[in-house]
Every structure is written in C-alpha cells, then in structure tokens.
Amino acid sequence: MRRYATLRLAAVLTGMGLVSPVLAQAPSGCENIQKLMQERQALVQQLNTSGKGKKRLTPTQACNLLGRLVNNGNATVKFATANQDWCQIPASFIDGLKADNEKAGGYRGQACNAAKQQATLERRARQQAQQQSQNPFGGPDAVTGGPMRVPQGAL
C-alpha cells in the first residue's frame, strides 16, 4: 500500500517536472511550490529507505516523520489552491495531492496509535519492575502462587 502511494507521488512529481518550465516562466512566488514539493520528496524518500535493511523506524519515529509529511501536504495543498490560477497549477495535480495527503494522514494515525500502545506497554513494564524490586521476596508466595500471607497464631 505504501509502495502504491509512493509510486503515485512519484508520478505527481514527474508531472510537476513537466509543469516546472511553466513555473519558471510564471510570476514570482510560484517557486514556493517547488520548494514544498522537494521537501515532500525528501520526506517520502526517508520513509522508503527506512523500511529497508536492519534499521527500521520505531512507531514514534514513523509518527513524527508522517506528521511532517502531512503538515507539508497541508501547506502544499493550501498554497496550490490559493495560487492555482496565478501559477497555472492543474486541478488534477491538486486533487492527487489531496488524495495522497489523506492516505498519509491515515498511515500517520496508525503509526501514532502504535506509538501510544508501545508507550503504554513500556510504562506498565517499568511499573511492574519497580513493584517487584520493592518487595524483597520477589512478589507473591512462590509456593502457593497466591498473595503473601501473614502467619496465624502465636509467634
């Protein structure tokens, strides 16, 4: 699924390459979309290279990187929509960018949920380790498996 989104973004960037001579002749201010698209391409490339080999992204890193990608997409869509006529940006380009940004937002939601779950599990593990280190006997009664019992009767 991620490959499909990447290939689609590559097609959009290729389409942007075809539009770039027009943007070079367009009025000033239109070069901002090129900067935004270059930044977006760099973020997508980071995502693609991080999934290969031994060095994988943690859910927290993926959440942060996808968050930057979505923020870039929002800024690019906003700029392209506001300057569509002035910079001669095709409507199909903006529609494709919006669709890709929505997909990236969905992936970001999944990565951020995984990061939250991982943080919760790590916090619980730390709490359990702390509770066990406070009890000199190492937890519940090892013989019966129940809670620690106080002896009854005279001592």
Protein backbone atom coordinates (compact mmCIF):
# COMPACT_ATOMS: atom_id res chain seq x y z
CA MET A 1 0.00 0.00 0.00
CA ARG A 2 2.86 2.33 0.89
CA ARG A 3 4.58 1.49 -2.40
CA TYR A 4 1.42 2.44 -4.30
CA ALA A 5 1.26 5.81 -2.55
CA THR A 6 4.96 6.35 -3.25
CA LEU A 7 4.58 5.46 -6.91
CA ARG A 8 1.62 7.78 -7.18
CA LEU A 9 3.59 10.58 -5.55
CA ALA A 10 6.45 9.88 -7.95
CA ALA A 11 4.01 10.21 -10.85
CA VAL A 12 2.78 13.50 -9.44
CA LEU A 13 6.35 14.73 -9.05
CA THR A 14 7.06 13.68 -12.62
CA GLY A 15 4.00 15.63 -13.66
CA MET A 16 5.36 18.51 -11.65
CA GLY A 17 8.60 18.19 -13.60
CA LEU A 18 6.60 18.73 -16.77
CA VAL A 19 4.98 21.79 -15.26
CA SER A 20 8.24 23.20 -13.96
CA PRO A 21 9.22 25.05 -17.19
CA VAL A 22 5.87 26.82 -16.97
CA LEU A 23 6.56 27.67 -13.34
CA ALA A 24 9.99 29.00 -14.30
CA GLN A 25 8.24 31.48 -16.59
CA ALA A 26 5.38 32.09 -14.16
CA PRO A 27 5.18 35.18 -11.99
CA SER A 28 7.28 35.38 -8.85
CA GLY A 29 6.09 33.50 -5.80
CA CYS A 30 5.32 30.31 -7.72
CA GLU A 31 8.72 28.81 -6.92
CA ASN A 32 7.46 28.17 -3.37
CA ILE A 33 5.56 25.11 -4.56
CA GLN A 34 8.79 23.66 -5.93
CA LYS A 35 10.41 24.03 -2.50
CA LEU A 36 7.43 22.37 -0.84
CA MET A 37 7.47 19.50 -3.33
CA GLN A 38 11.23 18.97 -2.90
CA GLU A 39 10.76 18.81 0.85
CA ARG A 40 7.89 16.34 0.35
CA GLN A 41 10.02 14.19 -1.94
CA ALA A 42 12.81 14.11 0.67
CA LEU A 43 10.34 13.01 3.38
CA VAL A 44 8.95 10.24 1.16
CA GLN A 45 12.47 9.09 0.36
CA GLN A 46 13.27 8.93 4.10
CA LEU A 47 10.20 6.77 4.64
CA ASN A 48 11.12 4.44 1.78
CA THR A 49 14.75 3.96 2.79
CA SER A 50 13.97 3.46 6.48
CA GLY A 51 11.94 0.31 5.84
CA LYS A 52 14.86 -1.48 4.19
CA GLY A 53 17.64 -3.36 5.94
CA LYS A 54 18.16 -3.66 9.67
CA LYS A 55 17.44 -0.03 10.51
CA ARG A 56 13.65 0.19 10.83
CA LEU A 57 11.65 3.10 12.16
CA THR A 58 10.12 2.85 15.59
CA PRO A 59 6.42 3.73 15.78
CA THR A 60 7.32 7.06 17.41
CA GLN A 61 9.78 7.93 14.64
CA ALA A 62 7.24 6.91 11.98
CA CYS A 63 4.56 9.02 13.67
CA ASN A 64 6.85 12.07 13.68
CA LEU A 65 8.01 11.61 10.09
CA LEU A 66 4.49 11.02 8.79
CA GLY A 67 3.31 14.04 10.78
CA ARG A 68 5.89 16.18 8.98
CA LEU A 69 4.73 14.70 5.66
CA VAL A 70 1.08 15.52 6.40
CA ASN A 71 1.96 19.06 7.51
CA ASN A 72 3.94 19.54 4.31
CA GLY A 73 0.99 18.20 2.30
CA ASN A 74 -1.40 20.59 4.01
CA ALA A 75 0.90 23.54 3.27
CA THR A 76 1.36 22.44 -0.34
CA VAL A 77 -2.39 21.97 -0.91
CA LYS A 78 -3.10 25.34 0.67
CA PHE A 79 -0.50 27.11 -1.48
CA ALA A 80 -1.51 25.29 -4.68
CA THR A 81 -5.21 26.01 -4.14
CA ALA A 82 -4.61 29.68 -3.37
CA ASN A 83 -2.29 30.17 -6.37
CA GLN A 84 -3.84 27.75 -8.86
CA ASP A 85 -4.66 30.37 -11.48
CA TRP A 86 -1.65 32.59 -10.88
CA CYS A 87 0.89 29.73 -11.10
CA GLN A 88 -1.04 27.69 -13.69
CA ILE A 89 -1.31 24.59 -11.48
CA PRO A 90 -3.61 21.90 -12.94
CA ALA A 91 -6.63 20.92 -10.85
CA SER A 92 -5.77 17.23 -11.30
CA PHE A 93 -2.44 17.85 -9.56
CA ILE A 94 -4.18 19.39 -6.55
CA ASP A 95 -6.73 16.56 -6.41
CA GLY A 96 -3.97 13.93 -6.50
CA LEU A 97 -2.04 15.76 -3.81
CA LYS A 98 -5.12 15.91 -1.58
CA ALA A 99 -5.73 12.17 -2.02
CA ASP A 100 -2.11 11.32 -1.23
CA ASN A 101 -2.18 13.57 1.81
CA GLU A 102 -5.32 11.86 3.13
CA LYS A 103 -3.60 8.46 2.77
CA ALA A 104 -0.52 9.77 4.58
CA GLY A 105 -2.83 11.04 7.35
CA GLY A 106 -4.30 7.55 7.69
CA TYR A 107 -0.84 6.00 7.93
CA ARG A 108 0.15 8.63 10.48
CA GLY A 109 -2.88 7.74 12.59
CA GLN A 110 -1.90 4.06 12.56
CA ALA A 111 1.72 4.83 13.43
CA CYS A 112 0.75 7.20 16.24
CA ASN A 113 -1.69 4.65 17.70
CA ALA A 114 1.08 2.03 17.64
CA ALA A 115 3.42 4.50 19.36
CA LYS A 116 0.82 5.15 22.08
CA GLN A 117 0.32 1.42 22.63
CA GLN A 118 4.07 0.85 22.80
CA ALA A 119 4.49 3.67 25.33
CA THR A 120 1.67 2.21 27.46
CA LEU A 121 3.24 -1.25 27.43
CA GLU A 122 6.67 0.15 28.31
CA ARG A 123 5.18 2.17 31.19
CA ARG A 124 3.43 -0.93 32.56
CA ALA A 125 6.62 -2.97 32.31
CA ARG A 126 8.54 -0.28 34.23
CA GLN A 127 5.83 -0.17 36.93
CA GLN A 128 5.87 -3.95 37.32
CA ALA A 129 9.67 -3.99 37.51
CA GLN A 130 9.57 -1.24 40.14
CA GLN A 131 6.95 -3.07 42.21
CA GLN A 132 8.96 -6.29 42.11
CA SER A 133 12.16 -4.52 43.11
CA GLN A 134 10.41 -3.01 46.16
CA ASN A 135 9.34 -6.42 47.50
CA PRO A 136 12.37 -8.23 48.97
CA PHE A 137 10.71 -11.61 48.48
CA GLY A 138 10.19 -11.08 44.74
CA GLY A 139 6.42 -10.91 44.57
CA PRO A 140 3.61 -13.24 45.64
CA ASP A 141 4.04 -16.51 47.53
CA ALA A 142 6.11 -18.74 45.27
CA VAL A 143 4.80 -22.00 46.80
CA THR A 144 1.03 -21.49 46.55
CA GLY A 145 1.01 -18.82 43.86
CA GLY A 146 -1.29 -16.58 45.89
CA PRO A 147 -0.66 -13.34 47.73
CA MET A 148 1.85 -13.23 50.58
CA ARG A 149 0.22 -14.49 53.79
CA VAL A 150 0.88 -13.44 57.34
CA PRO A 151 1.33 -16.43 59.70
CA GLN A 152 -1.61 -17.01 62.04
CA GLY A 153 -1.34 -17.79 65.73
CA ALA A 154 1.21 -17.12 68.42
CA LEU A 155 4.73 -16.30 67.38
